[in-house]
Amino acid sequence: MHGLHADGSDREPGRFLTFERWTDKAALDGHMVTPEIKAIVPKLEPVLAKPFTQLFLDARTGGSA
């Protein structure tokens, strides 16, 4: 599962968030070395205002808010 969302805030115009859910880290690692990903990263870097960052989160269930 994945999605692309605009931040929508005035703090960082043009900021986008991608959301992806992978079955496990091995699946993500495999995706990151595909020819498509290897080809797109160098093409994106020149048009980005600053280097992209990745933040990895773990899904949590249960508990109280």
Foldseek 3Di string as FASTA:
>chain_A
DKDKAAPPDPVDHPDIDMDDDDPDVVRVVVVCPDPVNVVVQVVVVVVDPDDDDDDDDDDDDDDDD
